Amino acid sequence: MNALSRKTTLQKSKKLKLKKWKSRSLQQTEKTRTRK
């Protein structure tokens, strides 16, 4: 594995993590909204 491919995979995983975190936070806000 060369440095470039490793860099791109790191960026991809970062984006995926961000997506997951965003969806999770959205779900949390939805839950709090319905609770009110």
PDB file of N, CA and C in Angstrom:
ATOM      1  N   MET A   1       0.850  -1.206   0.000  1.00  0.00           N
ATOM      2  CA  MET A   1       0.000   0.000   0.000  1.00  0.00           C
ATOM      3  C   MET A   1       0.883   1.253   0.000  1.00  0.00           C
ATOM      4  N   ASN A   2       0.722   2.080  -1.010  1.00  0.00           N
ATOM      5  CA  ASN A   2       1.530   3.303  -1.054  1.00  0.00           C
ATOM      6  C   ASN A   2       0.866   4.419  -0.242  1.00  0.00           C
ATOM      7  N   ALA A   3       1.595   5.492  -0.040  1.00  0.00           N
ATOM      8  CA  ALA A   3       1.126   6.586   0.816  1.00  0.00           C
ATOM      9  C   ALA A   3      -0.158   7.224   0.265  1.00  0.00           C
ATOM     10  N   LEU A   4      -0.226   7.383  -1.059  1.00  0.00           N
ATOM     11  CA  LEU A   4      -1.383   8.051  -1.659  1.00  0.00           C
ATOM     12  C   LEU A   4      -2.669   7.283  -1.395  1.00  0.00           C
ATOM     13  N   SER A   5      -2.645   5.988  -1.643  1.00  0.00           N
ATOM     14  CA  SER A   5      -3.860   5.185  -1.430  1.00  0.00           C
ATOM     15  C   SER A   5      -4.240   5.182   0.055  1.00  0.00           C
ATOM     16  N   ARG A   6      -3.228   5.163   0.908  1.00  0.00           N
ATOM     17  CA  ARG A   6      -3.515   5.175   2.340  1.00  0.00           C
ATOM     18  C   ARG A   6      -4.204   6.494   2.718  1.00  0.00           C
ATOM     19  N   LYS A   7      -3.723   7.575   2.098  1.00  0.00           N
ATOM     20  CA  LYS A   7      -4.298   8.890   2.365  1.00  0.00           C
ATOM     21  C   LYS A   7      -5.773   8.925   1.963  1.00  0.00           C
ATOM     22  N   THR A   8      -6.050   8.409   0.766  1.00  0.00           N
ATOM     23  CA  THR A   8      -7.426   8.438   0.262  1.00  0.00           C
ATOM     24  C   THR A   8      -8.338   7.574   1.128  1.00  0.00           C
ATOM     25  N   THR A   9      -7.856   6.421   1.553  1.00  0.00           N
ATOM     26  CA  THR A   9      -8.675   5.541   2.387  1.00  0.00           C
ATOM     27  C   THR A   9      -8.950   6.209   3.734  1.00  0.00           C
ATOM     28  N   LEU A  10      -7.948   6.936   4.242  1.00  0.00           N
ATOM     29  CA  LEU A  10      -8.127   7.651   5.507  1.00  0.00           C
ATOM     30  C   LEU A  10      -9.222   8.709   5.357  1.00  0.00           C
ATOM     31  N   GLN A  11      -9.155   9.446   4.243  1.00  0.00           N
ATOM     32  CA  GLN A  11     -10.156  10.480   3.991  1.00  0.00           C
ATOM     33  C   GLN A  11     -11.546   9.858   3.873  1.00  0.00           C
ATOM     34  N   LYS A  12     -11.612   8.707   3.194  1.00  0.00           N
ATOM     35  CA  LYS A  12     -12.895   8.020   3.010  1.00  0.00           C
ATOM     36  C   LYS A  12     -13.467   7.608   4.357  1.00  0.00           C
ATOM     37  N   SER A  13     -12.631   7.019   5.195  1.00  0.00           N
ATOM     38  CA  SER A  13     -13.100   6.570   6.512  1.00  0.00           C
ATOM     39  C   SER A  13     -13.542   7.767   7.351  1.00  0.00           C
ATOM     40  N   LYS A  14     -12.814   8.875   7.197  1.00  0.00           N
ATOM     41  CA  LYS A  14     -13.169  10.091   7.929  1.00  0.00           C
ATOM     42  C   LYS A  14     -14.559  10.553   7.514  1.00  0.00           C
ATOM     43  N   LYS A  15     -14.792  10.569   6.191  1.00  0.00           N
ATOM     44  CA  LYS A  15     -16.087  11.003   5.666  1.00  0.00           C
ATOM     45  C   LYS A  15     -17.192  10.080   6.157  1.00  0.00           C
ATOM     46  N   LEU A  16     -16.902   8.774   6.153  1.00  0.00           N
ATOM     47  CA  LEU A  16     -17.893   7.798   6.613  1.00  0.00           C
ATOM     48  C   LEU A  16     -18.227   8.042   8.070  1.00  0.00           C
ATOM     49  N   LYS A  17     -17.203   8.258   8.880  1.00  0.00           N
ATOM     50  CA  LYS A  17     -17.409   8.508  10.304  1.00  0.00           C
ATOM     51  C   LYS A  17     -18.259   9.761  10.491  1.00  0.00           C
ATOM     52  N   LEU A  18     -17.952  10.790   9.699  1.00  0.00           N
ATOM     53  CA  LEU A  18     -18.697  12.040   9.789  1.00  0.00           C
ATOM     54  C   LEU A  18     -20.167  11.800   9.450  1.00  0.00           C
ATOM     55  N   LYS A  19     -20.384  11.003   8.387  1.00  0.00           N
ATOM     56  CA  LYS A  19     -21.758  10.677   7.976  1.00  0.00           C
ATOM     57  C   LYS A  19     -22.494   9.985   9.111  1.00  0.00           C
ATOM     58  N   LYS A  20     -21.845   8.980   9.681  1.00  0.00           N
ATOM     59  CA  LYS A  20     -22.454   8.221  10.776  1.00  0.00           C
ATOM     60  C   LYS A  20     -22.773   9.147  11.941  1.00  0.00           C
ATOM     61  N   TRP A  21     -21.806  10.008  12.291  1.00  0.00           N
ATOM     62  CA  TRP A  21     -21.993  10.923  13.404  1.00  0.00           C
ATOM     63  C   TRP A  21     -23.155  11.880  13.134  1.00  0.00           C
ATOM     64  N   LYS A  22     -23.213  12.390  11.890  1.00  0.00           N
ATOM     65  CA  LYS A  22     -24.293  13.314  11.514  1.00  0.00           C
ATOM     66  C   LYS A  22     -25.648  12.641  11.640  1.00  0.00           C
ATOM     67  N   SER A  23     -25.758  11.436  11.105  1.00  0.00           N
ATOM     68  CA  SER A  23     -27.028  10.712  11.165  1.00  0.00           C
ATOM     69  C   SER A  23     -27.401  10.423  12.615  1.00  0.00           C
ATOM     70  N   ARG A  24     -26.406  10.084  13.425  1.00  0.00           N
ATOM     71  CA  ARG A  24     -26.659   9.784  14.833  1.00  0.00           C
ATOM     72  C   ARG A  24     -27.174  11.036  15.554  1.00  0.00           C
ATOM     73  N   SER A  25     -26.518  12.166  15.313  1.00  0.00           N
ATOM     74  CA  SER A  25     -26.922  13.412  15.955  1.00  0.00           C
ATOM     75  C   SER A  25     -28.324  13.814  15.493  1.00  0.00           C
ATOM     76  N   LEU A  26     -28.617  13.560  14.207  1.00  0.00           N
ATOM     77  CA  LEU A  26     -29.938  13.861  13.663  1.00  0.00           C
ATOM     78  C   LEU A  26     -30.989  13.027  14.377  1.00  0.00           C
ATOM     79  N   GLN A  27     -30.704  11.748  14.548  1.00  0.00           N
ATOM     80  CA  GLN A  27     -31.630  10.855  15.245  1.00  0.00           C
ATOM     81  C   GLN A  27     -31.868  11.349  16.668  1.00  0.00           C
ATOM     82  N   GLN A  28     -30.792  11.788  17.320  1.00  0.00           N
ATOM     83  CA  GLN A  28     -30.901  12.297  18.686  1.00  0.00           C
ATOM     84  C   GLN A  28     -31.823  13.522  18.738  1.00  0.00           C
ATOM     85  N   THR A  29     -31.644  14.433  17.792  1.00  0.00           N
ATOM     86  CA  THR A  29     -32.466  15.643  17.761  1.00  0.00           C
ATOM     87  C   THR A  29     -33.922  15.281  17.492  1.00  0.00           C
ATOM     88  N   GLU A  30     -34.147  14.300  16.626  1.00  0.00           N
ATOM     89  CA  GLU A  30     -35.502  13.844  16.330  1.00  0.00           C
ATOM     90  C   GLU A  30     -36.161  13.299  17.588  1.00  0.00           C
ATOM     91  N   LYS A  31     -35.407  12.497  18.327  1.00  0.00           N
ATOM     92  CA  LYS A  31     -35.924  11.900  19.560  1.00  0.00           C
ATOM     93  C   LYS A  31     -36.322  12.991  20.553  1.00  0.00           C
ATOM     94  N   THR A  32     -35.444  13.971  20.732  1.00  0.00           N
ATOM     95  CA  THR A  32     -35.729  15.043  21.686  1.00  0.00           C
ATOM     96  C   THR A  32     -36.919  15.868  21.207  1.00  0.00           C
ATOM     97  N   ARG A  33     -37.062  16.022  19.903  1.00  0.00           N
ATOM     98  CA  ARG A  33     -38.155  16.811  19.344  1.00  0.00           C
ATOM     99  C   ARG A  33     -39.498  16.120  19.613  1.00  0.00           C
ATOM    100  N   THR A  34     -39.516  14.800  19.413  1.00  0.00           N
ATOM    101  CA  THR A  34     -40.761  14.051  19.609  1.00  0.00           C
ATOM    102  C   THR A  34     -41.104  13.967  21.091  1.00  0.00           C
ATOM    103  N   ARG A  35     -40.106  14.006  21.942  1.00  0.00           N
ATOM    104  CA  ARG A  35     -40.325  13.902  23.377  1.00  0.00           C
ATOM    105  C   ARG A  35     -41.020  15.163  23.916  1.00  0.00           C
ATOM    106  N   LYS A  36     -40.703  16.313  23.321  1.00  0.00           N
ATOM    107  CA  LYS A  36     -41.253  17.587  23.803  1.00  0.00           C
ATOM    108  C   LYS A  36     -42.767  17.699  23.581  1.00  0.00           C
TER     109      LYS A  36
END
